[in-house]
């Protein structure tokens, strides 16, 4: 039986106070997504004007006239070359740093909620009828719910660039060694020899920090990133005042909720590599990595991921770990053994006819392919 779902456009000022309700929903969600959390939305206000942020919340009627929060989708109004210079709605709010476009849907009524969201967008006169979802998983129950909603509403769902994102889904009985052997396969011996060889150059240690300690260690993360090529090119977070303000706010808010983690691999007490992670429900997302480029011979990024995985299995690993890897990243860079198919997706609500946004996405995809072929030819 279909549930009675009501969609409301929630004021931004109200939504940033939904922390407890969002946390409860994340525990019931078919696929938790920290990018939709009030903390992330509050931080995004540093980079995205308030009048461009649209918050859709889904509510299910309960007994005695009460309601429960069962869905959230934070969207951004956009009109630029990426949209074909036509108005669209996009998710996540800050795609350069956030790693998932998916709405958060209660597992018990995922299809009903997705359908209600699309119907609300179709009926809203002041909202664009095109959704740009550049970081959407195209497998699993959440995506199937969106697919079904598109079918019912006659909406066109088109995928453009696709890639394989490394993730971790531990199996019962897994420990660090068993998981790494399965994930790395024939390269297990070589990778672990490389990892252990770091200790020939000094004392190797690992630190995992949370809450205020993680927030304080974030300054070291910024300095480590700025010390490398990103600093030289002025693209490091510390070189970009607005981006730095966004991250400081994000770190502050997630630390307050004990949903922030900062992992560090050290050699003789000096950071070799650091990883910034956030959590929601049973999901942990890897947002950013920084590493000491003078230690490149040790593959510090891969070494950090091995140390992180070992630390995960000393505790209880997350049910789902998302590496956050984009479409330009070699999956073999990471040690997490499972893969999730990701795509740049555009949904034309109520229409199967391609529009300017689809044309722009197609042009972008082919330009990137031509660029990659040119770069490959130059390396030969």
Foldseek 3Di string as FASTA:
>chain_A
DAFDKDKDWDQLVVQLVCQVLQQVLLQQWQHDFPLQHSLNSVLLCLPAPRVFKTKMWMWTADPPRDIGTFKIAIWGWDADLLQLRDTAIEPDSDVVFGFFRFITGGPVNLLSVLLNVLVVQVPDPPHAQKYWTFRYFCDGDNNVSNVVSCVVQVKAKDFFDKAKFFKAADDPPDALVVQLCVQVPPCSVVLVVLLVVLPVVADKDKDKDAAPVLLVCVVVQQVQQLVDPCVVVLNGQVSPVSSVSSVNSSRNVQSVVRFWMKMFMDGNRHGAKIWIWGDGNLEIETRDMGGHVVVVVSLSVQSRLSVVRNVCRVDPHRNMYGDSDDRVDDNVSYSRRDITMTTGMMMRGSHNDDDSSVVSSNVVSVVVVVVVVVVVVVVD
